[in-house]
Amino acid sequence: MPTITLRRPDDWHIHLRDGAALATTVPHCATRFGRAIVMPNLKPPVVSVADAQAYRSRILAALPNTMTFQPLMTLYLTDSTPPDEIDRAKSSGIVAGVKLYPAGATTHSAAGVTQMAKVLPVLKRMAEVGIPLLVHGEVTDPTVDVFDRERVFLERELAPLLEALPQLKVVVEHITTQEAVNFVTHAGANVAATITAHHLLHNRNDMFRGGIRPHYYCLPVLKRETHRQALVAAATGSNRRFFLGTDSAPHTRASKEHACGCAGIYTAHAGIELYAEVFAGAGALDRLEDFASCRGADFYGLPYHEQRITLQQEPWIVPTEYPFASETLSPLRAGEIIQWRIMS
């Protein structure tokens, strides 16, 4: 059977949640990735270095003794974040970025930024000390169609910000559109993007195939097939400012299968295997290592891993559910087949 060996990859965007849920999410992530940028949208959010240090300790406490893994922490940007918190983040050695959620854009984003002007002093300080801004790139204007919110954010918010602060390092998280690919492609070397496996594998038809499919609902939402194809071309292409970020976002099965279901797709159980499917399908398996193991490390200024992992094209059936604290979650491909498996 076909195999591929690559440097141990990293996940540059993941939600691990907190508490008892870490017993599932941390081992799933650490089985595949050497490092991961951990999102700060807890309740309450991770707004200070002290919060990040405490959260990091809880993550490491959930790590099995047989595994090695480095959580890279982030701070949750609010209208009241003080610039001197950026100095503390820089000197802490554990904070890799600051996350901007437009208020109300996604899960646990109510405390997010209401106006870019309110956080400009903090963003200036980030540009000065070199801490990246990690952006959930969607506007929350109710007059903007949900399928256009990413494009409008790039035009209305991010382009002017980069013009004002051209040295600010920015990662546009979980891009979903041809417009986002174009934006990053034509931006400077200080702008990059993460791409999820689910946005590479699925288009918006999958949310409605045979009825409403709540486990395919995420934010930003899945887009047209033409956008999915643009993402695949970016991920498998030569521009090294596109790299892996799963945006694995666990929710209980009950909260997904609900009249007002939560946004998020859980992929940590197969975080690298799903990308292998994408790259194999595109005839670009030889480019998976660069996308998964090298590009993000270069952007964040971190060394590559010496350890290798081997994937084999061997189908396996995904469990229908995994434990999630006192409840369960339904992973992507629950009860279905994934074509690649980690062998070592």
C-alpha atoms as a PDB file:
ATOM      1  CA  MET A   1       0.000   0.000   0.000  1.00  0.00           C
ATOM      2  CA  PRO A   2       1.243   3.556  -0.695  1.00  0.00           C
ATOM      3  CA  THR A   3       2.989   5.260   2.226  1.00  0.00           C
ATOM      4  CA  ILE A   4       4.444   8.687   2.891  1.00  0.00           C
ATOM      5  CA  THR A   5       6.908   9.708   5.599  1.00  0.00           C
ATOM      6  CA  LEU A   6       7.148  13.344   6.604  1.00  0.00           C
ATOM      7  CA  ARG A   7       8.496  15.493   9.383  1.00  0.00           C
ATOM      8  CA  ARG A   8       6.111  15.609  12.288  1.00  0.00           C
ATOM      9  CA  PRO A   9       3.543  18.273  11.342  1.00  0.00           C
ATOM     10  CA  ASP A  10       2.120  21.157  13.361  1.00  0.00           C
ATOM     11  CA  ASP A  11      -1.429  22.464  13.689  1.00  0.00           C
ATOM     12  CA  TRP A  12      -1.461  26.250  13.496  1.00  0.00           C
ATOM     13  CA  HIS A  13      -5.085  26.635  14.612  1.00  0.00           C
ATOM     14  CA  ILE A  14      -6.981  24.346  16.986  1.00  0.00           C
ATOM     15  CA  HIS A  15      -9.644  24.486  19.696  1.00  0.00           C
ATOM     16  CA  LEU A  16      -8.941  22.110  22.590  1.00  0.00           C
ATOM     17  CA  ARG A  17     -11.635  23.489  24.938  1.00  0.00           C
ATOM     18  CA  ASP A  18     -11.022  22.996  28.666  1.00  0.00           C
ATOM     19  CA  GLY A  19     -11.634  20.849  31.709  1.00  0.00           C
ATOM     20  CA  ALA A  20     -12.535  17.189  31.248  1.00  0.00           C
ATOM     21  CA  ALA A  21     -12.830  17.667  27.475  1.00  0.00           C
ATOM     22  CA  LEU A  22      -9.015  17.914  27.288  1.00  0.00           C
ATOM     23  CA  ALA A  23      -8.794  14.164  27.977  1.00  0.00           C
ATOM     24  CA  THR A  24     -10.056  13.604  24.418  1.00  0.00           C
ATOM     25  CA  THR A  25      -8.824  16.604  22.459  1.00  0.00           C
ATOM     26  CA  VAL A  26      -5.231  16.759  23.697  1.00  0.00           C
ATOM     27  CA  PRO A  27      -4.266  13.119  22.917  1.00  0.00           C
ATOM     28  CA  HIS A  28      -5.950  13.320  19.514  1.00  0.00           C
ATOM     29  CA  CYS A  29      -3.931  16.413  18.650  1.00  0.00           C
ATOM     30  CA  ALA A  30      -0.642  15.248  20.191  1.00  0.00           C
ATOM     31  CA  THR A  31      -0.793  11.895  18.375  1.00  0.00           C
ATOM     32  CA  ARG A  32      -0.401  13.795  15.113  1.00  0.00           C
ATOM     33  CA  PHE A  33       1.131  17.195  15.764  1.00  0.00           C
ATOM     34  CA  GLY A  34       4.262  18.299  17.567  1.00  0.00           C
ATOM     35  CA  ARG A  35       2.939  21.792  18.218  1.00  0.00           C
ATOM     36  CA  ALA A  36      -0.395  23.548  17.978  1.00  0.00           C
ATOM     37  CA  ILE A  37      -1.608  27.124  18.182  1.00  0.00           C
ATOM     38  CA  VAL A  38      -4.352  26.860  20.814  1.00  0.00           C
ATOM     39  CA  MET A  39      -7.323  29.178  20.496  1.00  0.00           C
ATOM     40  CA  PRO A  40      -8.262  31.320  23.538  1.00  0.00           C
ATOM     41  CA  ASN A  41     -12.072  31.497  23.211  1.00  0.00           C
ATOM     42  CA  LEU A  42     -12.891  29.751  26.465  1.00  0.00           C
ATOM     43  CA  LYS A  43     -15.543  30.887  28.924  1.00  0.00           C
ATOM     44  CA  PRO A  44     -14.131  33.122  30.332  1.00  0.00           C
ATOM     45  CA  PRO A  45     -11.634  33.857  27.544  1.00  0.00           C
ATOM     46  CA  VAL A  46      -7.845  33.766  27.858  1.00  0.00           C
ATOM     47  CA  VAL A  47      -7.166  37.515  27.976  1.00  0.00           C
ATOM     48  CA  SER A  48      -3.875  37.703  29.883  1.00  0.00           C
ATOM     49  CA  VAL A  49      -0.527  35.971  30.054  1.00  0.00           C
ATOM     50  CA  ALA A  50      -1.500  34.652  33.480  1.00  0.00           C
ATOM     51  CA  ASP A  51      -4.620  33.100  31.941  1.00  0.00           C
ATOM     52  CA  ALA A  52      -2.505  31.560  29.173  1.00  0.00           C
ATOM     53  CA  GLN A  53      -0.021  30.088  31.633  1.00  0.00           C
ATOM     54  CA  ALA A  54      -2.807  28.494  33.662  1.00  0.00           C
ATOM     55  CA  TYR A  55      -4.522  27.110  30.553  1.00  0.00           C
ATOM     56  CA  ARG A  56      -1.224  25.726  29.250  1.00  0.00           C
ATOM     57  CA  SER A  57      -0.717  23.876  32.530  1.00  0.00           C
ATOM     58  CA  ARG A  58      -4.151  22.269  32.230  1.00  0.00           C
ATOM     59  CA  ILE A  59      -3.408  21.163  28.655  1.00  0.00           C
ATOM     60  CA  LEU A  60      -0.101  19.596  29.629  1.00  0.00           C
ATOM     61  CA  ALA A  61      -1.731  17.861  32.590  1.00  0.00           C
ATOM     62  CA  ALA A  62      -4.047  16.109  30.088  1.00  0.00           C
ATOM     63  CA  LEU A  63      -1.108  14.955  27.929  1.00  0.00           C
ATOM     64  CA  PRO A  64      -0.342  11.230  28.290  1.00  0.00           C
ATOM     65  CA  ASN A  65       3.148  10.524  29.604  1.00  0.00           C
ATOM     66  CA  THR A  66       4.010   8.659  26.410  1.00  0.00           C
ATOM     67  CA  MET A  67       3.477  11.734  24.206  1.00  0.00           C
ATOM     68  CA  THR A  68       5.424  14.899  23.516  1.00  0.00           C
ATOM     69  CA  PHE A  69       3.572  18.035  22.507  1.00  0.00           C
ATOM     70  CA  GLN A  70       4.027  21.795  22.754  1.00  0.00           C
ATOM     71  CA  PRO A  71       0.916  23.974  23.080  1.00  0.00           C
ATOM     72  CA  LEU A  72       1.527  27.451  21.670  1.00  0.00           C
ATOM     73  CA  MET A  73      -0.733  29.843  23.514  1.00  0.00           C
ATOM     74  CA  THR A  74      -2.747  32.825  22.302  1.00  0.00           C
ATOM     75  CA  LEU A  75      -4.433  35.792  23.930  1.00  0.00           C
ATOM     76  CA  TYR A  76      -8.007  36.863  23.221  1.00  0.00           C
ATOM     77  CA  LEU A  77      -8.056  40.448  21.996  1.00  0.00           C
ATOM     78  CA  THR A  78     -10.728  42.683  23.530  1.00  0.00           C
ATOM     79  CA  ASP A  79     -11.555  46.377  23.275  1.00  0.00           C
ATOM     80  CA  SER A  80      -9.828  46.859  26.639  1.00  0.00           C
ATOM     81  CA  THR A  81      -6.641  44.820  26.125  1.00  0.00           C
ATOM     82  CA  PRO A  82      -3.758  47.041  27.355  1.00  0.00           C
ATOM     83  CA  PRO A  83      -0.640  47.428  25.178  1.00  0.00           C
ATOM     84  CA  ASP A  84       1.604  46.419  28.075  1.00  0.00           C
ATOM     85  CA  GLU A  85      -0.030  42.953  28.021  1.00  0.00           C
ATOM     86  CA  ILE A  86       1.684  42.540  24.656  1.00  0.00           C
ATOM     87  CA  ASP A  87       5.042  43.210  26.306  1.00  0.00           C
ATOM     88  CA  ARG A  88       4.268  40.561  28.915  1.00  0.00           C
ATOM     89  CA  ALA A  89       3.227  38.150  26.146  1.00  0.00           C
ATOM     90  CA  LYS A  90       6.461  38.737  24.261  1.00  0.00           C
ATOM     91  CA  SER A  91       8.618  38.102  27.312  1.00  0.00           C
ATOM     92  CA  SER A  92       6.603  35.087  28.497  1.00  0.00           C
ATOM     93  CA  GLY A  93       8.010  32.684  25.915  1.00  0.00           C
ATOM     94  CA  ILE A  94       4.679  30.834  25.681  1.00  0.00           C
ATOM     95  CA  VAL A  95       2.423  33.222  23.737  1.00  0.00           C
ATOM     96  CA  ALA A  96       2.684  32.824  19.962  1.00  0.00           C
ATOM     97  CA  GLY A  97      -0.072  35.206  18.849  1.00  0.00           C
ATOM     98  CA  VAL A  98      -3.091  37.317  19.698  1.00  0.00           C
ATOM     99  CA  LYS A  99      -6.499  36.335  18.337  1.00  0.00           C
ATOM    100  CA  LEU A 100      -8.964  38.871  16.934  1.00  0.00           C
ATOM    101  CA  TYR A 101     -12.580  37.764  16.973  1.00  0.00           C
ATOM    102  CA  PRO A 102     -15.036  40.346  15.684  1.00  0.00           C
ATOM    103  CA  ALA A 103     -17.621  40.500  18.465  1.00  0.00           C
ATOM    104  CA  GLY A 104     -20.369  37.981  17.753  1.00  0.00           C
ATOM    105  CA  ALA A 105     -18.658  36.348  14.784  1.00  0.00           C
ATOM    106  CA  THR A 106     -18.413  32.780  16.104  1.00  0.00           C
ATOM    107  CA  THR A 107     -18.360  30.549  19.192  1.00  0.00           C
ATOM    108  CA  HIS A 108     -17.594  32.454  22.426  1.00  0.00           C
ATOM    109  CA  SER A 109     -16.793  35.682  20.584  1.00  0.00           C
ATOM    110  CA  ALA A 110     -19.128  38.006  22.503  1.00  0.00           C
ATOM    111  CA  ALA A 111     -16.150  39.612  24.256  1.00  0.00           C
ATOM    112  CA  GLY A 112     -14.368  40.222  20.955  1.00  0.00           C
ATOM    113  CA  VAL A 113     -13.454  43.435  19.182  1.00  0.00           C
ATOM    114  CA  THR A 114     -16.292  45.819  18.344  1.00  0.00           C
ATOM    115  CA  GLN A 115     -14.280  48.344  16.314  1.00  0.00           C
ATOM    116  CA  MET A 116     -10.771  48.067  14.920  1.00  0.00           C
ATOM    117  CA  ALA A 117     -10.014  51.630  16.012  1.00  0.00           C
ATOM    118  CA  LYS A 118     -10.410  50.602  19.656  1.00  0.00           C
ATOM    119  CA  VAL A 119      -7.517  48.128  19.466  1.00  0.00           C
ATOM    120  CA  LEU A 120      -5.183  50.100  17.227  1.00  0.00           C
ATOM    121  CA  PRO A 121      -2.725  50.947  20.078  1.00  0.00           C
ATOM    122  CA  VAL A 122      -2.431  47.237  20.891  1.00  0.00           C
ATOM    123  CA  LEU A 123      -1.954  46.316  17.227  1.00  0.00           C
ATOM    124  CA  LYS A 124       0.774  48.956  16.897  1.00  0.00           C
ATOM    125  CA  ARG A 125       2.592  47.423  19.837  1.00  0.00           C
ATOM    126  CA  MET A 126       2.235  43.947  18.296  1.00  0.00           C
ATOM    127  CA  ALA A 127       3.782  45.226  15.069  1.00  0.00           C
ATOM    128  CA  GLU A 128       6.673  46.703  17.034  1.00  0.00           C
ATOM    129  CA  VAL A 129       7.511  43.557  18.993  1.00  0.00           C
ATOM    130  CA  GLY A 130       6.651  41.037  16.255  1.00  0.00           C
ATOM    131  CA  ILE A 131       3.716  39.149  17.774  1.00  0.00           C
ATOM    132  CA  PRO A 132       1.337  37.913  15.036  1.00  0.00           C
ATOM    133  CA  LEU A 133      -2.307  38.878  14.864  1.00  0.00           C
ATOM    134  CA  LEU A 134      -4.490  35.831  14.196  1.00  0.00           C
ATOM    135  CA  VAL A 135      -7.742  36.900  12.564  1.00  0.00           C
ATOM    136  CA  HIS A 136     -11.175  35.366  12.330  1.00  0.00           C
ATOM    137  CA  GLY A 137     -11.849  37.190   9.085  1.00  0.00           C
ATOM    138  CA  GLU A 138     -15.585  37.853   8.966  1.00  0.00           C
ATOM    139  CA  VAL A 139     -17.701  40.930   9.430  1.00  0.00           C
ATOM    140  CA  THR A 140     -20.760  40.695  11.637  1.00  0.00           C
ATOM    141  CA  ASP A 141     -22.798  43.337   9.824  1.00  0.00           C
ATOM    142  CA  PRO A 142     -26.294  41.769   9.534  1.00  0.00           C
ATOM    143  CA  THR A 143     -26.782  43.389   6.125  1.00  0.00           C
ATOM    144  CA  VAL A 144     -23.901  41.341   4.674  1.00  0.00           C
ATOM    145  CA  ASP A 145     -24.778  37.909   3.291  1.00  0.00           C
ATOM    146  CA  VAL A 146     -23.236  35.094   5.342  1.00  0.00           C
ATOM    147  CA  PHE A 147     -21.388  33.808   2.279  1.00  0.00           C
ATOM    148  CA  ASP A 148     -19.803  37.238   1.698  1.00  0.00           C
ATOM    149  CA  ARG A 149     -18.651  38.013   5.234  1.00  0.00           C
ATOM    150  CA  GLU A 150     -15.065  36.906   4.665  1.00  0.00           C
ATOM    151  CA  ARG A 151     -14.649  38.897   1.458  1.00  0.00           C
ATOM    152  CA  VAL A 152     -16.135  42.023   3.020  1.00  0.00           C
ATOM    153  CA  PHE A 153     -13.888  41.728   6.089  1.00  0.00           C
ATOM    154  CA  LEU A 154     -10.790  41.574   3.925  1.00  0.00           C
ATOM    155  CA  GLU A 155     -11.874  44.630   1.947  1.00  0.00           C
ATOM    156  CA  ARG A 156     -13.377  46.707   4.752  1.00  0.00           C
ATOM    157  CA  GLU A 157     -11.203  45.852   7.760  1.00  0.00           C
ATOM    158  CA  LEU A 158      -7.988  44.007   6.984  1.00  0.00           C
ATOM    159  CA  ALA A 159      -6.784  45.900   3.900  1.00  0.00           C
ATOM    160  CA  PRO A 160      -6.944  49.312   5.661  1.00  0.00           C
ATOM    161  CA  LEU A 161      -5.296  47.835   8.766  1.00  0.00           C
ATOM    162  CA  LEU A 162      -2.345  46.505   6.776  1.00  0.00           C
ATOM    163  CA  GLU A 163      -2.022  49.829   4.997  1.00  0.00           C
ATOM    164  CA  ALA A 164      -1.833  51.569   8.384  1.00  0.00           C
ATOM    165  CA  LEU A 165       0.477  48.932   9.939  1.00  0.00           C
ATOM    166  CA  PRO A 166       2.441  47.384   7.063  1.00  0.00           C
ATOM    167  CA  GLN A 167       4.848  45.564   9.419  1.00  0.00           C
ATOM    168  CA  LEU A 168       2.138  43.774  11.401  1.00  0.00           C
ATOM    169  CA  LYS A 169       2.341  40.005  11.016  1.00  0.00           C
ATOM    170  CA  VAL A 170      -1.105  38.614  10.265  1.00  0.00           C
ATOM    171  CA  VAL A 171      -2.504  35.111   9.837  1.00  0.00           C
ATOM    172  CA  VAL A 172      -5.921  35.039   8.193  1.00  0.00           C
ATOM    173  CA  GLU A 173      -7.391  31.957   9.821  1.00  0.00           C
ATOM    174  CA  HIS A 174      -9.368  29.213   8.088  1.00  0.00           C
ATOM    175  CA  ILE A 175      -9.768  30.978   4.737  1.00  0.00           C
ATOM    176  CA  THR A 176     -12.694  29.804   2.631  1.00  0.00           C
ATOM    177  CA  THR A 177     -12.814  31.800  -0.603  1.00  0.00           C
ATOM    178  CA  GLN A 178     -11.007  32.539  -3.843  1.00  0.00           C
ATOM    179  CA  GLU A 179     -10.945  36.179  -2.726  1.00  0.00           C
ATOM    180  CA  ALA A 180      -9.052  35.249   0.434  1.00  0.00           C
ATOM    181  CA  VAL A 181      -6.541  33.241  -1.591  1.00  0.00           C
ATOM    182  CA  ASN A 182      -6.024  36.242  -3.844  1.00  0.00           C
ATOM    183  CA  PHE A 183      -5.710  38.611  -0.882  1.00  0.00           C
ATOM    184  CA  VAL A 184      -2.954  36.583   0.777  1.00  0.00           C
ATOM    185  CA  THR A 185      -1.195  35.862  -2.502  1.00  0.00           C
ATOM    186  CA  HIS A 186      -0.875  39.567  -3.281  1.00  0.00           C
ATOM    187  CA  ALA A 187      -0.088  40.666   0.290  1.00  0.00           C
ATOM    188  CA  GLY A 188       3.397  41.056   1.695  1.00  0.00           C
ATOM    189  CA  ALA A 189       5.540  38.396   3.326  1.00  0.00           C
ATOM    190  CA  ASN A 190       4.032  39.358   6.698  1.00  0.00           C
ATOM    191  CA  VAL A 191       0.592  37.961   5.754  1.00  0.00           C
ATOM    192  CA  ALA A 192      -0.229  34.249   5.745  1.00  0.00           C
ATOM    193  CA  ALA A 193      -3.284  32.004   5.985  1.00  0.00           C
ATOM    194  CA  THR A 194      -4.320  28.693   7.453  1.00  0.00           C
ATOM    195  CA  ILE A 195      -6.546  26.255   5.565  1.00  0.00           C
ATOM    196  CA  THR A 196      -8.661  23.561   7.201  1.00  0.00           C
ATOM    197  CA  ALA A 197      -9.132  19.998   5.999  1.00  0.00           C
ATOM    198  CA  HIS A 198     -12.913  20.363   6.000  1.00  0.00           C
ATOM    199  CA  HIS A 199     -12.835  23.417   3.734  1.00  0.00           C
ATOM    200  CA  LEU A 200     -10.520  21.506   1.387  1.00  0.00           C
ATOM    201  CA  LEU A 201     -12.772  18.440   1.343  1.00  0.00           C
ATOM    202  CA  HIS A 202     -16.283  19.885   1.335  1.00  0.00           C
ATOM    203  CA  ASN A 203     -18.435  22.566  -0.250  1.00  0.00           C
ATOM    204  CA  ARG A 204     -21.677  24.087   0.954  1.00  0.00           C
ATOM    205  CA  ASN A 205     -23.814  21.434  -0.750  1.00  0.00           C
ATOM    206  CA  ASP A 206     -22.628  18.992   1.905  1.00  0.00           C
ATOM    207  CA  MET A 207     -24.526  20.913   4.591  1.00  0.00           C
ATOM    208  CA  PHE A 208     -27.801  20.094   2.817  1.00  0.00           C
ATOM    209  CA  ARG A 209     -27.198  16.722   1.165  1.00  0.00           C
ATOM    210  CA  GLY A 210     -30.248  14.595   1.985  1.00  0.00           C
ATOM    211  CA  GLY A 211     -31.428  17.115   4.572  1.00  0.00           C
ATOM    212  CA  ILE A 212     -29.812  19.542   7.011  1.00  0.00           C
ATOM    213  CA  ARG A 213     -26.424  18.159   8.109  1.00  0.00           C
ATOM    214  CA  PRO A 214     -25.524  20.063  11.304  1.00  0.00           C
ATOM    215  CA  HIS A 215     -22.140  18.384  11.681  1.00  0.00           C
ATOM    216  CA  TYR A 216     -20.992  20.161   8.507  1.00  0.00           C
ATOM    217  CA  TYR A 217     -21.901  23.564   9.918  1.00  0.00           C
ATOM    218  CA  CYS A 218     -18.889  25.711  10.752  1.00  0.00           C
ATOM    219  CA  LEU A 219     -17.859  29.363  10.673  1.00  0.00           C
ATOM    220  CA  PRO A 220     -16.846  30.614   8.245  1.00  0.00           C
ATOM    221  CA  VAL A 221     -19.400  28.419   6.487  1.00  0.00           C
ATOM    222  CA  LEU A 222     -18.483  26.080   3.646  1.00  0.00           C
ATOM    223  CA  LYS A 223     -18.567  27.853   0.298  1.00  0.00           C
ATOM    224  CA  ARG A 224     -19.164  27.043  -3.393  1.00  0.00           C
ATOM    225  CA  GLU A 225     -17.187  24.319  -5.172  1.00  0.00           C
ATOM    226  CA  THR A 226     -15.179  26.947  -7.076  1.00  0.00           C
ATOM    227  CA  HIS A 227     -13.876  28.283  -3.753  1.00  0.00           C
ATOM    228  CA  ARG A 228     -13.002  24.796  -2.506  1.00  0.00           C
ATOM    229  CA  GLN A 229     -10.984  24.226  -5.664  1.00  0.00           C
ATOM    230  CA  ALA A 230      -9.160  27.528  -5.115  1.00  0.00           C
ATOM    231  CA  LEU A 231      -8.235  26.437  -1.596  1.00  0.00           C
ATOM    232  CA  VAL A 232      -6.896  23.098  -2.844  1.00  0.00           C
ATOM    233  CA  ALA A 233      -4.795  24.920  -5.439  1.00  0.00           C
ATOM    234  CA  ALA A 234      -3.403  27.229  -2.742  1.00  0.00           C
ATOM    235  CA  ALA A 235      -2.641  24.410  -0.288  1.00  0.00           C
ATOM    236  CA  THR A 236      -0.915  22.236  -2.879  1.00  0.00           C
ATOM    237  CA  GLY A 237       0.756  25.140  -4.708  1.00  0.00           C
ATOM    238  CA  SER A 238       4.124  26.784  -4.247  1.00  0.00           C
ATOM    239  CA  ASN A 239       3.166  29.817  -2.143  1.00  0.00           C
ATOM    240  CA  ARG A 240       4.566  29.015   1.304  1.00  0.00           C
ATOM    241  CA  ARG A 241       2.311  31.475   3.123  1.00  0.00           C
ATOM    242  CA  PHE A 242      -0.547  28.975   3.063  1.00  0.00           C
ATOM    243  CA  PHE A 243      -0.236  26.291   5.732  1.00  0.00           C
ATOM    244  CA  LEU A 244      -2.107  23.781   7.875  1.00  0.00           C
ATOM    245  CA  GLY A 245      -4.589  24.827  10.537  1.00  0.00           C
ATOM    246  CA  THR A 246      -7.333  22.338  11.330  1.00  0.00           C
ATOM    247  CA  ASP A 247      -9.663  24.678  13.234  1.00  0.00           C
ATOM    248  CA  SER A 248     -10.841  21.459  14.883  1.00  0.00           C
ATOM    249  CA  ALA A 249     -13.711  22.724  17.046  1.00  0.00           C
ATOM    250  CA  PRO A 250     -15.437  20.190  19.286  1.00  0.00           C
ATOM    251  CA  HIS A 251     -19.001  20.536  20.509  1.00  0.00           C
ATOM    252  CA  THR A 252     -21.232  18.007  22.194  1.00  0.00           C
ATOM    253  CA  ARG A 253     -23.478  16.033  19.884  1.00  0.00           C
ATOM    254  CA  ALA A 254     -26.514  17.563  21.617  1.00  0.00           C
ATOM    255  CA  SER A 255     -25.323  21.121  20.994  1.00  0.00           C
ATOM    256  CA  LYS A 256     -24.733  20.370  17.299  1.00  0.00           C
ATOM    257  CA  GLU A 257     -28.033  18.532  16.782  1.00  0.00           C
ATOM    258  CA  HIS A 258     -30.058  21.394  18.192  1.00  0.00           C
ATOM    259  CA  ALA A 259     -32.562  23.958  16.965  1.00  0.00           C
ATOM    260  CA  CYS A 260     -29.760  26.553  17.148  1.00  0.00           C
ATOM    261  CA  GLY A 261     -26.762  24.301  16.614  1.00  0.00           C
ATOM    262  CA  CYS A 262     -23.201  25.355  17.353  1.00  0.00           C
ATOM    263  CA  ALA A 263     -20.696  26.114  14.591  1.00  0.00           C
ATOM    264  CA  GLY A 264     -17.633  23.877  14.456  1.00  0.00           C
ATOM    265  CA  ILE A 265     -16.337  20.619  12.994  1.00  0.00           C
ATOM    266  CA  TYR A 266     -14.227  18.176  15.000  1.00  0.00           C
ATOM    267  CA  THR A 267     -11.270  16.849  12.991  1.00  0.00           C
ATOM    268  CA  ALA A 268      -8.512  16.372  15.586  1.00  0.00           C
ATOM    269  CA  HIS A 269      -9.103  12.596  15.546  1.00  0.00           C
ATOM    270  CA  ALA A 270      -7.741  12.537  11.975  1.00  0.00           C
ATOM    271  CA  GLY A 271      -5.973  15.860  11.756  1.00  0.00           C
ATOM    272  CA  ILE A 272      -3.254  14.837   9.281  1.00  0.00           C
ATOM    273  CA  GLU A 273      -4.972  11.863   7.656  1.00  0.00           C
ATOM    274  CA  LEU A 274      -7.687  14.063   6.130  1.00  0.00           C
ATOM    275  CA  TYR A 275      -5.089  16.351   4.569  1.00  0.00           C
ATOM    276  CA  ALA A 276      -3.356  13.293   3.101  1.00  0.00           C
ATOM    277  CA  GLU A 277      -6.628  12.482   1.331  1.00  0.00           C
ATOM    278  CA  VAL A 278      -6.735  15.983  -0.149  1.00  0.00           C
ATOM    279  CA  PHE A 279      -3.136  15.991  -1.342  1.00  0.00           C
ATOM    280  CA  ALA A 280      -3.338  12.443  -2.719  1.00  0.00           C
ATOM    281  CA  GLY A 281      -6.512  13.335  -4.583  1.00  0.00           C
ATOM    282  CA  ALA A 282      -4.784  16.357  -6.100  1.00  0.00           C
ATOM    283  CA  GLY A 283      -1.741  14.316  -7.140  1.00  0.00           C
ATOM    284  CA  ALA A 284       0.400  16.403  -4.792  1.00  0.00           C
ATOM    285  CA  LEU A 285       1.285  14.034  -1.960  1.00  0.00           C
ATOM    286  CA  ASP A 286       4.936  15.032  -2.320  1.00  0.00           C
ATOM    287  CA  ARG A 287       3.961  18.585  -1.223  1.00  0.00           C
ATOM    288  CA  LEU A 288       2.152  17.582   1.968  1.00  0.00           C
ATOM    289  CA  GLU A 289       5.265  17.821   4.162  1.00  0.00           C
ATOM    290  CA  ASP A 290       5.969  21.417   3.163  1.00  0.00           C
ATOM    291  CA  PHE A 291       2.357  22.440   3.805  1.00  0.00           C
ATOM    292  CA  ALA A 292       1.996  20.526   7.083  1.00  0.00           C
ATOM    293  CA  SER A 293       5.471  20.541   8.603  1.00  0.00           C
ATOM    294  CA  CYS A 294       7.525  23.454   7.267  1.00  0.00           C
ATOM    295  CA  ARG A 295       5.619  26.522   6.079  1.00  0.00           C
ATOM    296  CA  GLY A 296       3.966  27.399   9.384  1.00  0.00           C
ATOM    297  CA  ALA A 297       7.178  26.850  11.330  1.00  0.00           C
ATOM    298  CA  ASP A 298       8.972  29.229   8.974  1.00  0.00           C
ATOM    299  CA  PHE A 299       6.306  31.921   9.355  1.00  0.00           C
ATOM    300  CA  TYR A 300       6.389  31.690  13.157  1.00  0.00           C
ATOM    301  CA  GLY A 301      10.199  31.443  13.241  1.00  0.00           C
ATOM    302  CA  LEU A 302      10.326  27.999  14.834  1.00  0.00           C
ATOM    303  CA  PRO A 303      12.541  24.994  14.013  1.00  0.00           C
ATOM    304  CA  TYR A 304      11.318  21.948  12.132  1.00  0.00           C
ATOM    305  CA  HIS A 305      10.788  18.728  14.061  1.00  0.00           C
ATOM    306  CA  GLU A 306      13.389  16.010  13.729  1.00  0.00           C
ATOM    307  CA  GLN A 307      10.825  13.300  14.420  1.00  0.00           C
ATOM    308  CA  ARG A 308       9.016  11.724  11.444  1.00  0.00           C
ATOM    309  CA  ILE A 309       5.587  10.170  11.030  1.00  0.00           C
ATOM    310  CA  THR A 310       4.514   7.651   8.401  1.00  0.00           C
ATOM    311  CA  LEU A 311       1.081   7.550   6.817  1.00  0.00           C
ATOM    312  CA  GLN A 312      -0.245   4.596   4.847  1.00  0.00           C
ATOM    313  CA  GLN A 313      -3.161   4.484   2.451  1.00  0.00           C
ATOM    314  CA  GLU A 314      -5.205   2.014   4.467  1.00  0.00           C
ATOM    315  CA  PRO A 315      -8.935   2.681   4.971  1.00  0.00           C
ATOM    316  CA  TRP A 316     -10.353   2.742   8.504  1.00  0.00           C
ATOM    317  CA  ILE A 317     -13.803   3.432   9.882  1.00  0.00           C
ATOM    318  CA  VAL A 318     -14.169   6.449  12.165  1.00  0.00           C
ATOM    319  CA  PRO A 319     -15.991   5.799  15.458  1.00  0.00           C
ATOM    320  CA  THR A 320     -19.481   7.250  15.548  1.00  0.00           C
ATOM    321  CA  GLU A 321     -18.598   9.277  18.644  1.00  0.00           C
ATOM    322  CA  TYR A 322     -15.863  10.120  21.124  1.00  0.00           C
ATOM    323  CA  PRO A 323     -16.199  10.989  24.820  1.00  0.00           C
ATOM    324  CA  PHE A 324     -16.361  14.712  25.489  1.00  0.00           C
ATOM    325  CA  ALA A 325     -16.328  15.501  29.196  1.00  0.00           C
ATOM    326  CA  SER A 326     -19.550  13.929  30.534  1.00  0.00           C
ATOM    327  CA  GLU A 327     -21.136  13.776  27.061  1.00  0.00           C
ATOM    328  CA  THR A 328     -20.066  12.778  23.534  1.00  0.00           C
ATOM    329  CA  LEU A 329     -19.059  14.487  20.296  1.00  0.00           C
ATOM    330  CA  SER A 330     -19.525  13.411  16.696  1.00  0.00           C
ATOM    331  CA  PRO A 331     -16.329  13.689  14.612  1.00  0.00           C
ATOM    332  CA  LEU A 332     -16.085  14.403  10.913  1.00  0.00           C
ATOM    333  CA  ARG A 333     -16.754  11.164   8.972  1.00  0.00           C
ATOM    334  CA  ALA A 334     -18.446   9.547  11.972  1.00  0.00           C
ATOM    335  CA  GLY A 335     -19.139   5.926  11.025  1.00  0.00           C
ATOM    336  CA  GLU A 336     -17.544   6.497   7.624  1.00  0.00           C
ATOM    337  CA  ILE A 337     -14.188   5.739   6.023  1.00  0.00           C
ATOM    338  CA  ILE A 338     -10.945   7.733   6.033  1.00  0.00           C
ATOM    339  CA  GLN A 339      -8.473   6.531   3.440  1.00  0.00           C
ATOM    340  CA  TRP A 340      -5.177   7.195   5.275  1.00  0.00           C
ATOM    341  CA  ARG A 341      -3.875   5.959   8.612  1.00  0.00           C
ATOM    342  CA  ILE A 342      -0.897   6.886  10.799  1.00  0.00           C
ATOM    343  CA  MET A 343       1.424   3.898  11.019  1.00  0.00           C
ATOM    344  CA  SER A 344       4.195   5.376  13.199  1.00  0.00           C
END
